[in-house]
Protein backbone atom coordinates (compact mmCIF):
# COMPACT_ATOMS: atom_id res chain seq x y z
CA MET A 1 167.81 203.26 -25.56
CA THR A 2 166.36 201.53 -22.59
CA THR A 3 164.06 198.59 -23.20
CA VAL A 4 161.34 197.98 -20.65
CA THR A 5 160.56 194.30 -20.26
CA GLY A 6 157.22 193.30 -18.73
CA ARG A 7 157.36 190.93 -15.81
CA ALA A 8 155.85 187.48 -16.14
CA PRO A 9 152.92 186.93 -13.84
CA SER A 10 153.89 185.33 -10.59
CA PRO A 11 152.30 182.05 -9.55
CA ALA A 12 150.42 183.91 -6.85
CA THR A 13 148.58 185.96 -9.48
CA ALA A 14 148.15 183.12 -11.97
CA VAL A 15 146.49 180.64 -9.62
CA PRO A 16 143.34 182.70 -8.96
CA THR A 17 142.87 183.15 -12.71
CA VAL A 18 143.02 179.39 -13.26
CA ALA A 19 140.69 178.79 -10.33
CA VAL A 20 138.16 181.28 -11.67
CA THR A 21 138.37 179.67 -15.10
CA ARG A 22 137.70 176.26 -13.61
CA GLN A 23 134.82 177.54 -11.48
CA ALA A 24 133.06 179.27 -14.36
CA PRO A 25 131.29 176.14 -15.72
CA ALA A 26 130.16 175.20 -12.21
CA VAL A 27 128.81 178.71 -11.65
CA ARG A 28 126.96 178.64 -14.97
CA ALA A 29 125.52 175.20 -14.15
CA GLY A 30 124.30 176.52 -10.81
CA VAL A 31 122.59 179.47 -12.47
CA VAL A 32 120.94 177.16 -15.00
CA ARG A 33 119.75 174.81 -12.24
CA ARG A 34 118.25 177.63 -10.20
CA SER A 35 116.56 179.18 -13.23
CA LEU A 36 115.07 175.91 -14.46
CA GLY A 37 114.04 175.00 -10.92
CA ALA A 38 112.18 178.28 -10.53
CA LEU A 39 110.44 177.81 -13.88
CA LEU A 40 109.47 174.26 -12.93
CA LEU A 41 108.04 175.43 -9.61
CA VAL A 42 106.01 178.15 -11.31
CA ALA A 43 104.72 175.63 -13.86
CA PHE A 44 103.72 173.19 -11.10
CA LEU A 45 101.91 175.84 -9.07
CA GLY A 46 100.19 177.14 -12.19
CA THR A 47 99.03 173.62 -13.03
CA CYS A 48 97.67 173.19 -9.51
CA VAL A 49 95.69 176.43 -9.76
CA ALA A 50 94.40 175.75 -13.28
CA ARG A 51 93.74 172.00 -13.10
CA GLY A 52 93.88 171.12 -9.44
CA LEU A 53 96.34 169.21 -7.33
CA PRO A 54 97.63 166.23 -9.32
CA THR A 55 96.59 162.98 -7.63
CA ASP A 56 97.69 160.60 -10.36
CA ARG A 57 100.90 158.92 -9.23
CA LEU A 58 102.40 158.89 -12.73
CA VAL A 59 101.90 162.65 -13.07
CA LEU A 60 103.33 163.35 -9.62
CA LEU A 61 106.35 161.15 -10.22
CA GLY A 62 106.87 162.95 -13.52
CA TRP A 63 107.07 166.29 -11.72
CA VAL A 64 109.42 164.88 -9.08
CA VAL A 65 111.77 163.24 -11.58
CA ALA A 66 111.81 166.43 -13.67
CA ALA A 67 112.90 168.37 -10.58
CA LEU A 68 115.61 165.82 -9.85
CA VAL A 69 116.87 165.98 -13.44
CA VAL A 70 117.22 169.74 -13.03
CA HIS A 71 119.13 169.14 -9.80
CA ALA A 72 121.48 166.70 -11.57
CA LEU A 73 122.35 169.07 -14.42
CA GLY A 74 126.04 169.91 -14.47
CA ARG A 75 126.92 167.23 -11.94
CA GLY A 76 128.14 164.65 -14.42
CA ARG A 77 126.71 161.68 -16.25
CA ALA A 78 127.07 159.47 -13.17
CA GLU A 79 124.48 161.53 -11.29
CA LEU A 80 121.92 161.15 -14.08
CA LEU A 81 122.59 157.41 -14.31
CA ARG A 82 122.18 157.11 -10.55
CA LEU A 83 118.89 159.00 -10.81
CA LEU A 84 117.57 156.53 -13.38
CA ALA A 85 118.87 153.51 -11.48
CA ASP A 86 117.19 154.62 -8.25
CA TRP A 87 113.90 156.04 -9.49
CA VAL A 88 112.86 153.89 -12.45
CA PRO A 89 112.50 150.68 -10.37
CA LEU A 90 110.80 152.59 -7.53
CA ALA A 91 108.33 154.27 -9.89
CA GLY A 92 107.62 150.96 -11.61
CA LEU A 93 106.82 149.23 -8.31
CA LEU A 94 104.56 152.06 -7.14
CA LEU A 95 102.67 152.08 -10.44
CA LEU A 96 102.30 148.30 -10.19
CA TYR A 97 100.82 148.80 -6.72
CA ASP A 98 98.30 151.30 -8.12
CA LEU A 99 97.30 148.86 -10.85
CA THR A 100 96.83 145.90 -8.53
CA ARG A 101 95.05 148.04 -5.93
CA GLY A 102 92.50 149.01 -8.54
CA LEU A 103 91.94 145.34 -9.42
CA ALA A 104 91.70 144.14 -5.82
CA ASP A 105 87.97 144.86 -5.53
CA GLY A 106 87.14 142.60 -8.47
CA LEU A 107 88.38 139.32 -6.97
CA GLY A 108 85.01 138.28 -5.56
CA MET A 109 85.76 138.68 -1.85
CA PRO A 110 82.75 139.78 0.26
CA VAL A 111 82.70 143.51 1.05
CA HIS A 112 82.42 144.42 4.73
CA VAL A 113 80.03 147.35 5.16
CA ALA A 114 78.37 147.25 8.58
CA GLU A 115 81.12 145.82 10.79
CA LEU A 116 83.33 148.90 10.90
CA ALA A 117 80.44 151.23 11.70
CA ALA A 118 79.46 148.90 14.55
CA ALA A 119 83.04 148.98 15.85
CA ASP A 120 83.06 152.79 15.86
CA ARG A 121 79.72 152.91 17.69
CA TRP A 122 81.08 150.48 20.28
CA LEU A 123 84.16 152.66 20.80
CA PHE A 124 82.14 155.88 21.19
CA GLY A 125 79.13 154.74 23.20
CA GLY A 126 76.70 154.31 20.32
CA VAL A 127 77.67 157.53 18.51
CA LEU A 128 79.05 157.36 14.97
CA PRO A 129 81.98 159.83 14.97
CA THR A 130 81.70 160.68 11.26
CA ALA A 131 78.03 161.67 11.57
CA TRP A 132 78.69 163.65 14.75
CA LEU A 133 81.63 165.56 13.25
CA GLN A 134 79.74 166.44 10.07
CA GLU A 135 76.87 167.75 12.16
CA HIS A 136 78.98 169.90 14.48
CA TRP A 137 82.08 170.91 12.48
CA THR A 138 80.64 173.04 9.70
CA ALA A 139 82.97 176.07 9.59
CA SER A 140 84.22 176.91 6.12
CA ALA A 141 87.73 177.55 7.46
CA TRP A 142 87.83 174.01 8.80
CA ALA A 143 86.67 172.64 5.43
CA ALA A 144 89.50 174.50 3.69
CA PHE A 145 92.05 173.19 6.17
CA ALA A 146 90.68 169.66 5.85
CA SER A 147 90.93 169.66 2.06
CA LEU A 148 94.54 170.86 2.24
CA VAL A 149 95.44 168.12 4.72
CA TYR A 150 93.65 165.46 2.67
CA GLY A 151 95.30 166.60 -0.56
CA SER A 152 98.74 166.65 1.04
CA HIS A 153 98.68 162.84 1.08
CA PHE A 154 99.30 162.75 -2.65
CA VAL A 155 102.27 165.15 -2.51
CA VAL A 156 104.13 164.64 0.77
CA THR A 157 105.53 161.16 0.13
CA PRO A 158 106.99 161.80 -3.36
CA VAL A 159 108.38 165.18 -2.27
CA LEU A 160 109.98 163.64 0.82
CA LEU A 161 111.48 160.90 -1.34
CA ALA A 162 112.96 163.55 -3.63
CA VAL A 163 114.40 165.61 -0.77
CA LEU A 164 115.98 162.58 0.88
CA TRP A 165 117.45 161.44 -2.44
CA VAL A 166 119.20 164.80 -2.76
CA ARG A 167 120.26 165.16 0.88
CA ASP A 168 120.82 161.63 2.23
CA ARG A 169 120.91 158.62 -0.11
CA ALA A 170 121.14 156.09 2.71
CA ARG A 171 118.05 157.50 4.42
CA TRP A 172 116.32 157.63 1.00
CA THR A 173 116.93 153.92 0.53
CA GLY A 174 115.44 153.13 3.92
CA TYR A 175 112.41 155.35 3.34
CA ALA A 176 111.79 153.91 -0.13
CA ARG A 177 111.74 150.42 1.40
CA LEU A 178 109.26 151.59 4.03
CA VAL A 179 106.99 153.12 1.37
CA LEU A 180 107.00 149.91 -0.67
CA GLY A 181 106.55 147.71 2.40
CA LEU A 182 103.62 149.75 3.71
CA SER A 183 101.98 149.79 0.28
CA ALA A 184 102.35 146.01 0.00
CA ALA A 185 100.87 145.44 3.47
CA GLY A 186 97.89 147.63 2.61
CA LEU A 187 97.38 145.88 -0.71
CA VAL A 188 97.28 142.43 0.88
CA THR A 189 94.66 143.66 3.36
CA TYR A 190 92.55 145.22 0.61
CA VAL A 191 92.47 141.86 -1.17
CA LEU A 192 91.69 139.77 1.90
CA TYR A 193 89.33 142.21 3.64
CA PRO A 194 87.54 144.62 1.28
CA ALA A 195 85.82 147.23 3.45
CA ALA A 196 83.48 150.09 2.61
CA PRO A 197 84.06 153.65 3.91
CA PRO A 198 81.33 155.62 5.72
CA TRP A 199 80.06 157.46 2.63
CA PHE A 200 79.63 154.10 0.87
CA ALA A 201 77.68 152.64 3.81
CA ALA A 202 75.47 155.74 3.98
CA ARG A 203 74.76 155.54 0.25
CA ASP A 204 73.53 151.96 0.73
CA GLY A 205 71.42 152.89 3.76
CA VAL A 206 73.50 150.92 6.25
CA ILE A 207 74.22 153.98 8.42
CA GLU A 208 72.70 157.44 8.78
CA GLN A 209 73.33 160.22 6.28
CA VAL A 210 77.04 160.86 5.77
CA ASP A 211 78.49 162.90 2.91
CA ARG A 212 81.83 162.58 1.18
CA ILE A 213 83.20 166.09 1.68
CA SER A 214 86.98 165.76 1.52
CA SER A 215 87.03 168.09 -1.52
CA SER A 216 84.55 170.67 -0.22
CA GLY A 217 87.22 173.05 1.07
CA TRP A 218 88.71 173.76 -2.35
CA ALA A 219 85.70 175.92 -3.18
CA VAL A 220 86.33 177.94 -0.01
CA LEU A 221 89.86 178.55 -1.28
CA GLY A 222 88.53 179.60 -4.69
CA LEU A 223 90.00 176.50 -6.38
CA HIS A 224 86.82 174.96 -7.74
CA LYS A 225 88.66 173.07 -10.46
CA ALA A 226 90.94 171.44 -7.90
CA GLY A 227 87.99 169.98 -6.05
CA ALA A 228 86.42 168.71 -9.26
CA VAL A 229 89.64 167.01 -10.36
CA LEU A 230 90.12 165.37 -6.97
CA SER A 231 86.54 164.11 -6.89
CA SER A 232 86.94 162.71 -10.39
CA GLY A 233 90.08 160.87 -9.36
CA GLN A 234 88.38 159.44 -6.28
CA ALA A 235 85.67 157.89 -8.46
CA GLN A 236 88.25 155.89 -10.44
CA VAL A 237 90.04 154.09 -7.60
CA ASN A 238 89.15 151.08 -5.48
CA GLN A 239 86.03 152.09 -3.55
CA VAL A 240 86.31 149.35 -0.92
CA ALA A 241 89.89 149.91 0.26
CA ALA A 242 89.06 151.46 3.63
CA VAL A 243 91.06 149.08 5.83
CA PRO A 244 93.67 150.10 6.69
CA SER A 245 93.65 153.85 6.10
CA LEU A 246 96.85 154.36 4.13
CA HIS A 247 96.27 158.12 4.27
CA THR A 248 96.74 157.83 8.02
CA ALA A 249 99.51 155.26 7.66
CA PHE A 250 101.64 157.46 5.43
CA ALA A 251 101.07 160.54 7.60
CA VAL A 252 102.26 158.58 10.64
CA LEU A 253 105.18 157.12 8.66
CA THR A 254 106.22 160.63 7.61
CA ALA A 255 106.27 161.74 11.24
CA LEU A 256 108.25 158.67 12.33
CA VAL A 257 110.86 159.05 9.59
CA LEU A 258 111.36 162.78 10.09
CA TRP A 259 111.20 162.75 13.89
CA PRO A 260 114.94 162.07 14.39
CA LEU A 261 115.71 164.99 12.05
CA ALA A 262 113.44 167.43 13.90
CA ARG A 263 115.75 169.41 16.19
CA ARG A 264 113.31 172.04 17.39
CA ALA A 265 110.11 171.75 19.40
CA TRP A 266 107.96 173.41 16.74
CA GLN A 267 109.19 170.94 14.13
CA ARG A 268 108.16 167.98 16.24
CA ALA A 269 104.87 169.67 17.06
CA ALA A 270 104.22 170.09 13.33
CA LEU A 271 104.98 166.42 12.65
CA ALA A 272 102.75 165.26 15.49
CA GLY A 273 100.01 167.65 14.40
CA TYR A 274 100.13 166.33 10.85
CA ALA A 275 99.94 162.72 12.01
CA VAL A 276 96.90 163.54 14.18
CA SER A 277 95.16 165.92 11.76
CA MET A 278 95.04 163.42 8.92
CA PRO A 279 92.84 160.81 10.66
CA VAL A 280 90.57 163.51 12.09
CA VAL A 281 90.07 164.92 8.58
CA LEU A 282 89.44 161.45 7.17
CA VAL A 283 86.77 160.64 9.76
CA TRP A 284 85.08 164.04 9.39
CA SER A 285 85.03 163.86 5.59
CA GLY A 286 83.38 160.43 5.44
CA GLU A 287 86.44 158.73 3.96
CA HIS A 288 87.25 156.46 6.91
CA TYR A 289 86.04 155.20 10.26
CA VAL A 290 88.11 155.74 13.39
CA VAL A 291 88.92 152.02 13.40
CA ASP A 292 90.40 152.33 9.89
CA THR A 293 92.68 155.15 10.97
CA LEU A 294 93.85 153.33 14.10
CA LEU A 295 94.74 150.30 11.99
CA GLY A 296 96.58 152.57 9.56
CA ALA A 297 98.70 153.96 12.39
CA VAL A 298 99.44 150.43 13.61
CA TYR A 299 100.48 149.34 10.11
CA ALA A 300 102.83 152.32 9.80
CA ALA A 301 104.42 151.73 13.20
CA ALA A 302 104.82 148.00 12.52
CA VAL A 303 106.44 148.50 9.12
CA TRP A 304 108.70 151.26 10.48
CA ALA A 305 109.83 149.09 13.40
CA LEU A 306 110.08 145.66 11.77
CA LEU A 307 111.15 146.17 8.16
CA PRO A 308 114.62 147.62 8.91
CA ARG A 309 115.26 144.71 11.28
CA LEU A 310 114.21 142.26 8.59
CA VAL A 311 116.53 143.92 6.08
CA ARG A 312 119.46 143.76 8.51
CA TRP A 313 118.74 140.11 9.29
CA CYS A 314 118.64 139.22 5.58
CA ALA A 315 121.89 141.10 4.98
CA GLY A 316 123.55 139.28 7.88
CA ALA A 317 122.30 135.92 6.65
CA ALA A 318 123.72 136.61 3.20
CA ARG A 319 127.14 137.45 4.67
CA ARG A 320 127.18 134.46 7.02
CA PRO A 321 129.75 131.86 5.85
CA ALA A 322 128.53 128.43 4.81
CA PRO A 323 129.16 125.57 7.25
CA PRO A 324 132.30 123.54 6.52
CA ALA A 325 131.89 120.41 4.44
CA VAL A 326 131.68 117.12 6.37
CA ALA A 327 134.28 114.54 5.36
CA SER A 328 131.91 111.59 5.69
CA SER A 329 128.15 111.54 5.50
CA ALA A 330 127.89 108.77 8.13
CA PRO A 331 127.52 109.76 11.80
CA VAL A 332 130.69 109.38 13.81
CA ALA A 333 129.05 106.88 16.18
CA LEU A 334 128.20 104.58 13.27
CA LEU A 335 131.71 104.46 11.78
CA PRO A 336 133.45 101.07 12.36
CA ARG A 337 136.09 101.07 15.07
CA PRO A 338 139.59 100.03 13.96
CA ARG A 339 140.51 96.46 14.98
CA ARG A 340 143.32 95.94 17.41
CA SER A 341 146.09 93.68 16.25
CA PRO A 342 146.59 90.32 18.14
CA GLU A 343 150.13 91.33 19.14
CA ALA A 344 148.78 94.35 21.00
C-alpha cells in the first residue's frame, strides 16, 4: 500500500501567513480609529448645530485632545504618554492666559475709549470705518460669511495645533511657542492699555451709533442657537481688551506659519484672504477699530519673526562652554616680578 505524505509548507508560503497574522492587530486598530474618529466628528458637528460653535477654550481643547487620543489608539503606550506630556502643559498655560485675561480689566488702569476712534478718523479723513461699513454693507450673505470668519478664530488655532502634532512634531513645537508668546504679548498690553471696542464707545455715547453684530449671520444660516451661545460667551470675557486685536493677530499668524507649506497658488490665496478677511469682519461688526487690527498684525509678525531667534539664541547660550578658570584672581600686571639674583 502506498502512503501519501503531505508536503510541509515551504518558507515562501509560510511567510505571508505570518505577515498577515502580524498585520491583523494593526488593521483592526486602524478600523477602530477611523470608526471612532467618524463618530467623534459627527458628535462635534451635532453639538455645533444644537448648541452653537464652542468658544470656551476648555471645551475646544477637550474635543481636540479626544481626537488625538483616538489617533493614538493602537500606536503604543509611548504615543499616549507623549500626548499627555505635550498637551497638558500647553492646555494649562492657555487656560491660565484665559483666567488672567479676564482679570486684567479689574486692575484699576484707566480705560481708553475715545483715542482709538480718533485715530481711525484721522486715518480715513474724518470717517469712522465701522460706522461706514455697517451703513453700506447690509447684505445677509455678507453677514453669514462674517459670522463664519469671526467664529473660525475659536477653532482654527486648536485644530492647527492638533494637525501639526500629528504630522510634524518639530513644527508643532514651534507653533505652540508662537501661540503662547503671542498670547502673552497681548495679555501684557491688555493690562497696561485697556481699550474699549467701537460697540462699547457707541454704548457710552462717545461715537455715533455702532452695533455689535458679529453673531448676526448665524440667524441667516438657520443656526439661531449658535449666535445666542456666542453672544453669551462674549458677555463673559474682558470687555476692554481691544488692543491689540488677537483675532487679527492669530489669523495673520496662521497665514505666516502655513505659508511655507502652501505649494499651490490657491492655497496661498486662501491664506492671504483669511488674514485680510478677519480684520475687515472685525471692523464691520463693531468688535475692533482699524488701528486695533493693524496692531494685531504687527504683533503677529513680530512674534513670528523674533521668538524663534530668541529660542535659538537661548539654546546656543546654554550650550556655550563656560570660560576657563583663572589661576590667580590678581591682574597679571599687578603680580610681583621675580627678583634677579646678584650673580646674574
